[in-house]
Full PDB file with SEQRES, HELIX, SHEET, SSBOND, CRYST1, ORIGX, SCALE, CONECT and MASTER records, all heavy atoms in Angstrom:
SEQRES   1 A   38  ASP LYS LEU TYR ARG LEU PHE PRO ASN LEU GLU THR ARG          
SEQRES   2 A   38  ARG HIS GLN ARG GLY SER VAL LEU SER GLY GLY GLU GLN          
SEQRES   3 A   38  GLN MET LEU ALA ILE SER ARG ALA LEU MET GLY ASN              
HELIX    1 AA1 LYS A    2  LEU A    6  1                                   5    
HELIX    2 AA2 PRO A    8  THR A   12  1                                   5    
HELIX    3 AA3 GLY A   18  VAL A   20  5                                   3    
HELIX    4 AA4 GLY A   23  MET A   36  1                                  14    
CRYST1    1.000    1.000    1.000  90.00  90.00  90.00 P 1           1          
ORIGX1      1.000000  0.000000  0.000000        0.00000                         
ORIGX2      0.000000  1.000000  0.000000        0.00000                         
ORIGX3      0.000000  0.000000  1.000000        0.00000                         
SCALE1      1.000000  0.000000  0.000000        0.00000                         
SCALE2      0.000000  1.000000  0.000000        0.00000                         
SCALE3      0.000000  0.000000  1.000000        0.00000                         
ATOM      1  N   ASP A   1     -28.403  -0.121   1.668  1.00  0.00           N  
ATOM      2  CA  ASP A   1     -28.041  -1.391   2.308  1.00  0.00           C  
ATOM      3  C   ASP A   1     -28.376  -2.576   1.406  1.00  0.00           C  
ATOM      4  O   ASP A   1     -27.598  -3.538   1.319  1.00  0.00           O  
ATOM      5  CB  ASP A   1     -28.764  -1.536   3.647  1.00  0.00           C  
ATOM      6  CG  ASP A   1     -28.191  -0.613   4.719  1.00  0.00           C  
ATOM      7  OD1 ASP A   1     -27.051  -0.131   4.536  1.00  0.00           O  
ATOM      8  OD2 ASP A   1     -28.887  -0.373   5.722  1.00  0.00           O  
ATOM      9  N   LYS A   2     -29.509  -2.526   0.731  1.00  0.00           N  
ATOM     10  CA  LYS A   2     -29.892  -3.618  -0.164  1.00  0.00           C  
ATOM     11  C   LYS A   2     -28.906  -3.726  -1.324  1.00  0.00           C  
ATOM     12  O   LYS A   2     -28.508  -4.830  -1.726  1.00  0.00           O  
ATOM     13  CB  LYS A   2     -31.315  -3.394  -0.679  1.00  0.00           C  
ATOM     14  CG  LYS A   2     -31.834  -4.512  -1.571  1.00  0.00           C  
ATOM     15  CD  LYS A   2     -33.298  -4.256  -1.935  1.00  0.00           C  
ATOM     16  CE  LYS A   2     -33.841  -5.385  -2.797  1.00  0.00           C  
ATOM     17  NZ  LYS A   2     -35.279  -5.182  -3.119  1.00  0.00           N  
ATOM     18  N   LEU A   3     -28.495  -2.594  -1.864  1.00  0.00           N  
ATOM     19  CA  LEU A   3     -27.554  -2.594  -2.976  1.00  0.00           C  
ATOM     20  C   LEU A   3     -26.166  -3.053  -2.538  1.00  0.00           C  
ATOM     21  O   LEU A   3     -25.457  -3.722  -3.296  1.00  0.00           O  
ATOM     22  CB  LEU A   3     -27.507  -1.210  -3.613  1.00  0.00           C  
ATOM     23  CG  LEU A   3     -28.797  -0.832  -4.354  1.00  0.00           C  
ATOM     24  CD1 LEU A   3     -28.838   0.658  -4.657  1.00  0.00           C  
ATOM     25  CD2 LEU A   3     -28.945  -1.638  -5.635  1.00  0.00           C  
ATOM     26  N   TYR A   4     -25.794  -2.731  -1.305  1.00  0.00           N  
ATOM     27  CA  TYR A   4     -24.519  -3.228  -0.788  1.00  0.00           C  
ATOM     28  C   TYR A   4     -24.539  -4.752  -0.657  1.00  0.00           C  
ATOM     29  O   TYR A   4     -23.515  -5.414  -0.828  1.00  0.00           O  
ATOM     30  CB  TYR A   4     -24.206  -2.593   0.553  1.00  0.00           C  
ATOM     31  CG  TYR A   4     -23.691  -1.171   0.479  1.00  0.00           C  
ATOM     32  CD1 TYR A   4     -23.720  -0.353   1.608  1.00  0.00           C  
ATOM     33  CD2 TYR A   4     -23.159  -0.652  -0.687  1.00  0.00           C  
ATOM     34  CE1 TYR A   4     -23.241   0.946   1.565  1.00  0.00           C  
ATOM     35  CE2 TYR A   4     -22.688   0.644  -0.749  1.00  0.00           C  
ATOM     36  CZ  TYR A   4     -22.732   1.444   0.386  1.00  0.00           C  
ATOM     37  OH  TYR A   4     -22.261   2.723   0.335  1.00  0.00           O  
ATOM     38  N   ARG A   5     -25.705  -5.312  -0.348  1.00  0.00           N  
ATOM     39  CA  ARG A   5     -25.792  -6.774  -0.273  1.00  0.00           C  
ATOM     40  C   ARG A   5     -25.641  -7.389  -1.663  1.00  0.00           C  
ATOM     41  O   ARG A   5     -25.071  -8.477  -1.813  1.00  0.00           O  
ATOM     42  CB  ARG A   5     -27.118  -7.196   0.364  1.00  0.00           C  
ATOM     43  CG  ARG A   5     -27.184  -6.920   1.873  1.00  0.00           C  
ATOM     44  CD  ARG A   5     -28.348  -7.644   2.523  1.00  0.00           C  
ATOM     45  NE  ARG A   5     -29.641  -7.161   2.070  1.00  0.00           N  
ATOM     46  CZ  ARG A   5     -30.283  -6.130   2.630  1.00  0.00           C  
ATOM     47  NH1 ARG A   5     -29.742  -5.488   3.668  1.00  0.00           N  
ATOM     48  NH2 ARG A   5     -31.460  -5.756   2.183  1.00  0.00           N  
ATOM     49  N   LEU A   6     -26.162  -6.707  -2.679  1.00  0.00           N  
ATOM     50  CA  LEU A   6     -26.010  -7.190  -4.044  1.00  0.00           C  
ATOM     51  C   LEU A   6     -24.571  -7.043  -4.534  1.00  0.00           C  
ATOM     52  O   LEU A   6     -24.051  -7.913  -5.238  1.00  0.00           O  
ATOM     53  CB  LEU A   6     -26.939  -6.415  -4.983  1.00  0.00           C  
ATOM     54  CG  LEU A   6     -28.416  -6.768  -4.961  1.00  0.00           C  
ATOM     55  CD1 LEU A   6     -29.194  -5.819  -5.884  1.00  0.00           C  
ATOM     56  CD2 LEU A   6     -28.636  -8.207  -5.396  1.00  0.00           C  
ATOM     57  N   PHE A   7     -23.938  -5.924  -4.175  1.00  0.00           N  
ATOM     58  CA  PHE A   7     -22.589  -5.610  -4.644  1.00  0.00           C  
ATOM     59  C   PHE A   7     -21.679  -5.335  -3.444  1.00  0.00           C  
ATOM     60  O   PHE A   7     -21.428  -4.181  -3.096  1.00  0.00           O  
ATOM     61  CB  PHE A   7     -22.616  -4.381  -5.553  1.00  0.00           C  
ATOM     62  CG  PHE A   7     -23.375  -4.564  -6.844  1.00  0.00           C  
ATOM     63  CD1 PHE A   7     -24.389  -3.684  -7.190  1.00  0.00           C  
ATOM     64  CD2 PHE A   7     -23.062  -5.594  -7.716  1.00  0.00           C  
ATOM     65  CE1 PHE A   7     -25.074  -3.826  -8.384  1.00  0.00           C  
ATOM     66  CE2 PHE A   7     -23.741  -5.746  -8.914  1.00  0.00           C  
ATOM     67  CZ  PHE A   7     -24.752  -4.868  -9.249  1.00  0.00           C  
ATOM     68  N   PRO A   8     -21.184  -6.374  -2.784  1.00  0.00           N  
ATOM     69  CA  PRO A   8     -20.349  -6.177  -1.588  1.00  0.00           C  
ATOM     70  C   PRO A   8     -19.121  -5.315  -1.858  1.00  0.00           C  
ATOM     71  O   PRO A   8     -18.632  -4.642  -0.935  1.00  0.00           O  
ATOM     72  CB  PRO A   8     -19.967  -7.602  -1.186  1.00  0.00           C  
ATOM     73  CG  PRO A   8     -21.035  -8.478  -1.768  1.00  0.00           C  
ATOM     74  CD  PRO A   8     -21.426  -7.809  -3.043  1.00  0.00           C  
ATOM     75  N   ASN A   9     -18.598  -5.341  -3.080  1.00  0.00           N  
ATOM     76  CA  ASN A   9     -17.450  -4.494  -3.402  1.00  0.00           C  
ATOM     77  C   ASN A   9     -17.742  -3.024  -3.111  1.00  0.00           C  
ATOM     78  O   ASN A   9     -16.852  -2.277  -2.669  1.00  0.00           O  
ATOM     79  CB  ASN A   9     -17.071  -4.628  -4.875  1.00  0.00           C  
ATOM     80  CG  ASN A   9     -16.665  -6.025  -5.263  1.00  0.00           C  
ATOM     81  OD1 ASN A   9     -17.438  -6.955  -5.059  1.00  0.00           O  
ATOM     82  ND2 ASN A   9     -15.473  -6.176  -5.817  1.00  0.00           N  
ATOM     83  N   LEU A  10     -18.961  -2.606  -3.385  1.00  0.00           N  
ATOM     84  CA  LEU A  10     -19.309  -1.204  -3.182  1.00  0.00           C  
ATOM     85  C   LEU A  10     -19.337  -0.850  -1.696  1.00  0.00           C  
ATOM     86  O   LEU A  10     -18.923   0.248  -1.307  1.00  0.00           O  
ATOM     87  CB  LEU A  10     -20.660  -0.888  -3.824  1.00  0.00           C  
ATOM     88  CG  LEU A  10     -20.740  -1.030  -5.342  1.00  0.00           C  
ATOM     89  CD1 LEU A  10     -22.113  -0.570  -5.838  1.00  0.00           C  
ATOM     90  CD2 LEU A  10     -19.634  -0.237  -6.043  1.00  0.00           C  
ATOM     91  N   GLU A  11     -19.804  -1.773  -0.870  1.00  0.00           N  
ATOM     92  CA  GLU A  11     -19.808  -1.487   0.569  1.00  0.00           C  
ATOM     93  C   GLU A  11     -18.381  -1.357   1.079  1.00  0.00           C  
ATOM     94  O   GLU A  11     -18.070  -0.472   1.894  1.00  0.00           O  
ATOM     95  CB  GLU A  11     -20.548  -2.569   1.329  1.00  0.00           C  
ATOM     96  CG  GLU A  11     -20.610  -2.274   2.825  1.00  0.00           C  
ATOM     97  CD  GLU A  11     -21.494  -3.243   3.579  1.00  0.00           C  
ATOM     98  OE1 GLU A  11     -21.705  -4.358   3.069  1.00  0.00           O  
ATOM     99  OE2 GLU A  11     -21.977  -2.878   4.668  1.00  0.00           O  
ATOM    100  N   THR A  12     -17.498  -2.226   0.590  1.00  0.00           N  
ATOM    101  CA  THR A  12     -16.104  -2.167   1.005  1.00  0.00           C  
ATOM    102  C   THR A  12     -15.479  -0.818   0.657  1.00  0.00           C  
ATOM    103  O   THR A  12     -14.657  -0.275   1.412  1.00  0.00           O  
ATOM    104  CB  THR A  12     -15.305  -3.295   0.335  1.00  0.00           C  
ATOM    105  OG1 THR A  12     -15.867  -4.556   0.734  1.00  0.00           O  
ATOM    106  CG2 THR A  12     -13.842  -3.241   0.727  1.00  0.00           C  
ATOM    107  N   ARG A  13     -15.926  -0.234  -0.455  1.00  0.00           N  
ATOM    108  CA  ARG A  13     -15.320   1.001  -0.953  1.00  0.00           C  
ATOM    109  C   ARG A  13     -16.275   2.198  -0.831  1.00  0.00           C  
ATOM    110  O   ARG A  13     -16.128   3.186  -1.536  1.00  0.00           O  
ATOM    111  CB  ARG A  13     -14.890   0.800  -2.411  1.00  0.00           C  
ATOM    112  CG  ARG A  13     -14.066  -0.465  -2.611  1.00  0.00           C  
ATOM    113  CD  ARG A  13     -13.341  -0.512  -3.912  1.00  0.00           C  
ATOM    114  NE  ARG A  13     -12.211   0.411  -3.913  1.00  0.00           N  
ATOM    115  CZ  ARG A  13     -11.319   0.510  -4.895  1.00  0.00           C  
ATOM    116  NH1 ARG A  13     -11.427  -0.260  -5.953  1.00  0.00           N  
ATOM    117  NH2 ARG A  13     -10.338   1.367  -4.824  1.00  0.00           N  
ATOM    118  N   ARG A  14     -17.184   2.120   0.108  1.00  0.00           N  
ATOM    119  CA  ARG A  14     -18.255   3.113   0.224  1.00  0.00           C  
ATOM    120  C   ARG A  14     -17.740   4.529   0.440  1.00  0.00           C  
ATOM    121  O   ARG A  14     -18.386   5.501   0.034  1.00  0.00           O  
ATOM    122  CB  ARG A  14     -19.205   2.719   1.352  1.00  0.00           C  
ATOM    123  CG  ARG A  14     -18.557   2.701   2.723  1.00  0.00           C  
ATOM    124  CD  ARG A  14     -19.429   1.972   3.748  1.00  0.00           C  
ATOM    125  NE  ARG A  14     -20.725   2.614   3.918  1.00  0.00           N  
ATOM    126  CZ  ARG A  14     -21.719   2.081   4.622  1.00  0.00           C  
ATOM    127  NH1 ARG A  14     -21.564   0.889   5.189  1.00  0.00           N  
ATOM    128  NH2 ARG A  14     -22.853   2.713   4.760  1.00  0.00           N  
ATOM    129  N   HIS A  15     -16.574   4.683   1.058  1.00  0.00           N  
ATOM    130  CA  HIS A  15     -16.045   6.024   1.348  1.00  0.00           C  
ATOM    131  C   HIS A  15     -14.973   6.468   0.347  1.00  0.00           C  
ATOM    132  O   HIS A  15     -14.363   7.521   0.535  1.00  0.00           O  
ATOM    133  CB  HIS A  15     -15.478   6.059   2.766  1.00  0.00           C  
ATOM    134  CG  HIS A  15     -16.499   5.761   3.826  1.00  0.00           C  
ATOM    135  ND1 HIS A  15     -17.669   6.473   3.944  1.00  0.00           N  
ATOM    136  CD2 HIS A  15     -16.519   4.795   4.805  1.00  0.00           C  
ATOM    137  CE1 HIS A  15     -18.370   5.985   4.957  1.00  0.00           C  
ATOM    138  NE2 HIS A  15     -17.703   4.972   5.483  1.00  0.00           N  
ATOM    139  N   GLN A  16     -14.774   5.683  -0.709  1.00  0.00           N  
ATOM    140  CA  GLN A  16     -13.794   6.049  -1.730  1.00  0.00           C  
ATOM    141  C   GLN A  16     -14.480   6.735  -2.903  1.00  0.00           C  
ATOM    142  O   GLN A  16     -15.646   6.477  -3.203  1.00  0.00           O  
ATOM    143  CB  GLN A  16     -13.035   4.809  -2.204  1.00  0.00           C  
ATOM    144  CG  GLN A  16     -12.222   4.162  -1.101  1.00  0.00           C  
ATOM    145  CD  GLN A  16     -11.359   3.015  -1.616  1.00  0.00           C  
ATOM    146  OE1 GLN A  16     -11.164   2.876  -2.802  1.00  0.00           O  
ATOM    147  NE2 GLN A  16     -10.845   2.212  -0.700  1.00  0.00           N  
ATOM    148  N   ARG A  17     -13.745   7.613  -3.556  1.00  0.00           N  
ATOM    149  CA  ARG A  17     -14.307   8.340  -4.689  1.00  0.00           C  
ATOM    150  C   ARG A  17     -14.531   7.418  -5.886  1.00  0.00           C  
ATOM    151  O   ARG A  17     -13.798   6.454  -6.099  1.00  0.00           O  
ATOM    152  CB  ARG A  17     -13.381   9.496  -5.083  1.00  0.00           C  
ATOM    153  CG  ARG A  17     -13.310  10.584  -4.022  1.00  0.00           C  
ATOM    154  CD  ARG A  17     -12.530  11.778  -4.518  1.00  0.00           C  
ATOM    155  NE  ARG A  17     -12.487  12.835  -3.514  1.00  0.00           N  
ATOM    156  CZ  ARG A  17     -11.950  14.032  -3.711  1.00  0.00           C  
ATOM    157  NH1 ARG A  17     -11.390  14.315  -4.886  1.00  0.00           N  
ATOM    158  NH2 ARG A  17     -11.962  14.934  -2.750  1.00  0.00           N  
ATOM    159  N   GLY A  18     -15.522   7.754  -6.658  1.00  0.00           N  
ATOM    160  CA  GLY A  18     -15.849   6.942  -7.818  1.00  0.00           C  
ATOM    161  C   GLY A  18     -14.707   6.830  -8.807  1.00  0.00           C  
ATOM    162  O   GLY A  18     -14.575   5.821  -9.501  1.00  0.00           O  
ATOM    163  N   SER A  19     -13.880   7.843  -8.881  1.00  0.00           N  
ATOM    164  CA  SER A  19     -12.798   7.866  -9.861  1.00  0.00           C  
ATOM    165  C   SER A  19     -11.742   6.802  -9.612  1.00  0.00           C  
ATOM    166  O   SER A  19     -10.981   6.465 -10.531  1.00  0.00           O  
ATOM    167  CB  SER A  19     -12.138   9.245  -9.891  1.00  0.00           C  
ATOM    168  OG  SER A  19     -11.609   9.579  -8.614  1.00  0.00           O  
ATOM    169  N   VAL A  20     -11.655   6.259  -8.402  1.00  0.00           N  
ATOM    170  CA  VAL A  20     -10.613   5.273  -8.097  1.00  0.00           C  
ATOM    171  C   VAL A  20     -11.127   3.840  -8.197  1.00  0.00           C  
ATOM    172  O   VAL A  20     -10.354   2.901  -8.005  1.00  0.00           O  
ATOM    173  CB  VAL A  20     -10.006   5.511  -6.693  1.00  0.00           C  
ATOM    174  CG1 VAL A  20      -9.492   6.930  -6.562  1.00  0.00           C  
ATOM    175  CG2 VAL A  20     -11.008   5.189  -5.593  1.00  0.00           C  
ATOM    176  N   LEU A  21     -12.402   3.652  -8.519  1.00  0.00           N  
ATOM    177  CA  LEU A  21     -12.950   2.305  -8.646  1.00  0.00           C  
ATOM    178  C   LEU A  21     -12.474   1.656  -9.939  1.00  0.00           C  
ATOM    179  O   LEU A  21     -12.160   2.332 -10.923  1.00  0.00           O  
ATOM    180  CB  LEU A  21     -14.483   2.349  -8.650  1.00  0.00           C  
ATOM    181  CG  LEU A  21     -15.186   2.989  -7.454  1.00  0.00           C  
ATOM    182  CD1 LEU A  21     -16.692   2.893  -7.639  1.00  0.00           C  
ATOM    183  CD2 LEU A  21     -14.759   2.336  -6.146  1.00  0.00           C  
ATOM    184  N   SER A  22     -12.457   0.331  -9.944  1.00  0.00           N  
ATOM    185  CA  SER A  22     -12.175  -0.395 -11.178  1.00  0.00           C  
ATOM    186  C   SER A  22     -13.353  -0.237 -12.135  1.00  0.00           C  
ATOM    187  O   SER A  22     -14.439   0.220 -11.746  1.00  0.00           O  
ATOM    188  CB  SER A  22     -11.958  -1.882 -10.879  1.00  0.00           C  
ATOM    189  OG  SER A  22     -13.178  -2.491 -10.494  1.00  0.00           O  
ATOM    190  N   GLY A  23     -13.158  -0.649 -13.404  1.00  0.00           N  
ATOM    191  CA  GLY A  23     -14.243  -0.554 -14.373  1.00  0.00           C  
ATOM    192  C   GLY A  23     -15.466  -1.341 -13.959  1.00  0.00           C  
ATOM    193  O   GLY A  23     -16.604  -0.872 -14.089  1.00  0.00           O  
ATOM    194  N   GLY A  24     -15.256  -2.554 -13.429  1.00  0.00           N  
ATOM    195  CA  GLY A  24     -16.379  -3.359 -12.976  1.00  0.00           C  
ATOM    196  C   GLY A  24     -17.107  -2.732 -11.811  1.00  0.00           C  
ATOM    197  O   GLY A  24     -18.343  -2.736 -11.745  1.00  0.00           O  
ATOM    198  N   GLU A  25     -16.351  -2.173 -10.871  1.00  0.00           N  
ATOM    199  CA  GLU A  25     -16.976  -1.513  -9.720  1.00  0.00           C  
ATOM    200  C   GLU A  25     -17.727  -0.263 -10.150  1.00  0.00           C  
ATOM    201  O   GLU A  25     -18.806   0.044  -9.614  1.00  0.00           O  
ATOM    202  CB  GLU A  25     -15.907  -1.188  -8.685  1.00  0.00           C  
ATOM    203  CG  GLU A  25     -15.345  -2.425  -7.992  1.00  0.00           C  
ATOM    204  CD  GLU A  25     -14.080  -2.145  -7.209  1.00  0.00           C  
ATOM    205  OE1 GLU A  25     -13.402  -1.121  -7.482  1.00  0.00           O  
ATOM    206  OE2 GLU A  25     -13.755  -2.942  -6.314  1.00  0.00           O  
ATOM    207  N   GLN A  26     -17.202   0.471 -11.117  1.00  0.00           N  
ATOM    208  CA  GLN A  26     -17.918   1.639 -11.630  1.00  0.00           C  
ATOM    209  C   GLN A  26     -19.240   1.232 -12.286  1.00  0.00           C  
ATOM    210  O   GLN A  26     -20.247   1.928 -12.144  1.00  0.00           O  
ATOM    211  CB  GLN A  26     -17.043   2.408 -12.610  1.00  0.00           C  
ATOM    212  CG  GLN A  26     -15.894   3.158 -11.960  1.00  0.00           C  
ATOM    213  CD  GLN A  26     -15.150   4.040 -12.938  1.00  0.00           C  
ATOM    214  OE1 GLN A  26     -15.509   4.164 -14.104  1.00  0.00           O  
ATOM    215  NE2 GLN A  26     -14.076   4.670 -12.462  1.00  0.00           N  
ATOM    216  N   GLN A  27     -19.232   0.103 -12.997  1.00  0.00           N  
ATOM    217  CA  GLN A  27     -20.481  -0.350 -13.608  1.00  0.00           C  
ATOM    218  C   GLN A  27     -21.486  -0.766 -12.545  1.00  0.00           C  
ATOM    219  O   GLN A  27     -22.677  -0.472 -12.655  1.00  0.00           O  
ATOM    220  CB  GLN A  27     -20.211  -1.513 -14.563  1.00  0.00           C  
ATOM    221  CG  GLN A  27     -21.411  -1.902 -15.423  1.00  0.00           C  
ATOM    222  CD  GLN A  27     -21.871  -0.775 -16.326  1.00  0.00           C  
ATOM    223  OE1 GLN A  27     -22.692   0.058 -15.943  1.00  0.00           O  
ATOM    224  NE2 GLN A  27     -21.330  -0.720 -17.524  1.00  0.00           N  
ATOM    225  N   MET A  28     -21.026  -1.444 -11.505  1.00  0.00           N  
ATOM    226  CA  MET A  28     -21.901  -1.786 -10.391  1.00  0.00           C  
ATOM    227  C   MET A  28     -22.500  -0.530  -9.768  1.00  0.00           C  
ATOM    228  O   MET A  28     -23.688  -0.484  -9.428  1.00  0.00           O  
ATOM    229  CB  MET A  28     -21.131  -2.571  -9.327  1.00  0.00           C  
ATOM    230  CG  MET A  28     -20.703  -3.956  -9.757  1.00  0.00           C  
ATOM    231  SD  MET A  28     -19.692  -4.745  -8.466  1.00  0.00           S  
ATOM    232  CE  MET A  28     -19.334  -6.317  -9.239  1.00  0.00           C  
ATOM    233  N   LEU A  29     -21.668   0.500  -9.635  1.00  0.00           N  
ATOM    234  CA  LEU A  29     -22.144   1.749  -9.050  1.00  0.00           C  
ATOM    235  C   LEU A  29     -23.146   2.432  -9.968  1.00  0.00           C  
ATOM    236  O   LEU A  29     -24.153   2.977  -9.497  1.00  0.00           O  
ATOM    237  CB  LEU A  29     -20.956   2.675  -8.762  1.00  0.00           C  
ATOM    238  CG  LEU A  29     -21.289   4.040  -8.153  1.00  0.00           C  
ATOM    239  CD1 LEU A  29     -22.094   3.888  -6.867  1.00  0.00           C  
ATOM    240  CD2 LEU A  29     -19.997   4.827  -7.887  1.00  0.00           C  
ATOM    241  N   ALA A  30     -22.900   2.400 -11.274  1.00  0.00           N  
ATOM    242  CA  ALA A  30     -23.836   3.029 -12.212  1.00  0.00           C  
ATOM    243  C   ALA A  30     -25.198   2.348 -12.163  1.00  0.00           C  
ATOM    244  O   ALA A  30     -26.250   3.019 -12.173  1.00  0.00           O  
ATOM    245  CB  ALA A  30     -23.260   2.974 -13.627  1.00  0.00           C  
ATOM    246  N   ILE A  31     -25.210   1.023 -12.096  1.00  0.00           N  
ATOM    247  CA  ILE A  31     -26.478   0.293 -11.997  1.00  0.00           C  
ATOM    248  C   ILE A  31     -27.149   0.583 -10.658  1.00  0.00           C  
ATOM    249  O   ILE A  31     -28.367   0.841 -10.593  1.00  0.00           O  
ATOM    250  CB  ILE A  31     -26.233  -1.213 -12.176  1.00  0.00           C  
ATOM    251  CG1 ILE A  31     -25.770  -1.504 -13.609  1.00  0.00           C  
ATOM    252  CG2 ILE A  31     -27.502  -2.005 -11.848  1.00  0.00           C  
ATOM    253  CD1 ILE A  31     -25.286  -2.928 -13.816  1.00  0.00           C  
ATOM    254  N   SER A  32     -26.370   0.574  -9.595  1.00  0.00           N  
ATOM    255  CA  SER A  32     -26.927   0.846  -8.263  1.00  0.00           C  
ATOM    256  C   SER A  32     -27.498   2.265  -8.183  1.00  0.00           C  
ATOM    257  O   SER A  32     -28.550   2.492  -7.579  1.00  0.00           O  
ATOM    258  CB  SER A  32     -25.851   0.647  -7.197  1.00  0.00           C  
ATOM    259  OG  SER A  32     -25.407  -0.686  -7.171  1.00  0.00           O  
ATOM    260  N   ARG A  33     -26.795   3.222  -8.778  1.00  0.00           N  
ATOM    261  CA  ARG A  33     -27.280   4.601  -8.770  1.00  0.00           C  
ATOM    262  C   ARG A  33     -28.626   4.704  -9.479  1.00  0.00           C  
ATOM    263  O   ARG A  33     -29.541   5.396  -9.011  1.00  0.00           O  
ATOM    264  CB  ARG A  33     -26.257   5.514  -9.433  1.00  0.00           C  
ATOM    265  CG  ARG A  33     -26.625   6.997  -9.370  1.00  0.00           C  
ATOM    266  CD  ARG A  33     -25.576   7.849 -10.041  1.00  0.00           C  
ATOM    267  NE  ARG A  33     -25.422   7.518 -11.461  1.00  0.00           N  
ATOM    268  CZ  ARG A  33     -24.542   8.096 -12.270  1.00  0.00           C  
ATOM    269  NH1 ARG A  33     -23.725   9.015 -11.813  1.00  0.00           N  
ATOM    270  NH2 ARG A  33     -24.474   7.737 -13.534  1.00  0.00           N  
ATOM    271  N   ALA A  34     -28.776   3.999 -10.612  1.00  0.00           N  
ATOM    272  CA  ALA A  34     -30.064   4.011 -11.309  1.00  0.00           C  
ATOM    273  C   ALA A  34     -31.157   3.382 -10.450  1.00  0.00           C  
ATOM    274  O   ALA A  34     -32.289   3.890 -10.393  1.00  0.00           O  
ATOM    275  CB  ALA A  34     -29.942   3.277 -12.634  1.00  0.00           C  
ATOM    276  N   LEU A  35     -30.842   2.303  -9.761  1.00  0.00           N  
ATOM    277  CA  LEU A  35     -31.834   1.639  -8.921  1.00  0.00           C  
ATOM    278  C   LEU A  35     -32.211   2.488  -7.709  1.00  0.00           C  
ATOM    279  O   LEU A  35     -33.345   2.397  -7.217  1.00  0.00           O  
ATOM    280  CB  LEU A  35     -31.317   0.275  -8.469  1.00  0.00           C  
ATOM    281  CG  LEU A  35     -31.214  -0.785  -9.578  1.00  0.00           C  
ATOM    282  CD1 LEU A  35     -30.528  -2.035  -9.051  1.00  0.00           C  
ATOM    283  CD2 LEU A  35     -32.595  -1.121 -10.130  1.00  0.00           C  
ATOM    284  N   MET A  36     -31.296   3.319  -7.226  1.00  0.00           N  
ATOM    285  CA  MET A  36     -31.621   4.203  -6.104  1.00  0.00           C  
ATOM    286  C   MET A  36     -32.728   5.194  -6.465  1.00  0.00           C  
ATOM    287  O   MET A  36     -33.388   5.740  -5.580  1.00  0.00           O  
ATOM    288  CB  MET A  36     -30.377   4.967  -5.652  1.00  0.00           C  
ATOM    289  CG  MET A  36     -29.467   4.171  -4.730  1.00  0.00           C  
ATOM    290  SD  MET A  36     -30.235   3.695  -3.166  1.00  0.00           S  
ATOM    291  CE  MET A  36     -30.458   5.304  -2.390  1.00  0.00           C  
ATOM    292  N   GLY A  37     -32.934   5.418  -7.747  1.00  0.00           N  
ATOM    293  CA  GLY A  37     -34.059   6.244  -8.181  1.00  0.00           C  
ATOM    294  C   GLY A  37     -35.382   5.507  -8.123  1.00  0.00           C  
ATOM    295  O   GLY A  37     -36.411   6.074  -8.477  1.00  0.00           O  
ATOM    296  N   ASN A  38     -35.353   4.235  -7.656  1.00  0.00           N  
ATOM    297  CA  ASN A  38     -36.556   3.405  -7.588  1.00  0.00           C  
ATOM    298  C   ASN A  38     -37.364   3.477  -8.885  1.00  0.00           C  
ATOM    299  O   ASN A  38     -38.544   3.822  -8.879  1.00  0.00           O  
ATOM    300  CB  ASN A  38     -37.407   3.791  -6.378  1.00  0.00           C  
ATOM    301  CG  ASN A  38     -36.835   3.244  -5.081  1.00  0.00           C  
ATOM    302  OD1 ASN A  38     -36.730   2.037  -4.886  1.00  0.00           O  
ATOM    303  ND2 ASN A  38     -36.424   4.149  -4.200  1.00  0.00           N  
TER     304      ASN A  38                                                      
MASTER        0    0    0    4    0    0    0    6  303    1    0    3          
END                                                                             
């Protein structure tokens, strides 16, 4: 939820596969995934 607040695009596309995201959205997801490891 915290990461979705930082990157609203990801919340909008939360149920879509990573392969269909734009390059910018994929980078947001890569950063968010690293942060999920706390």
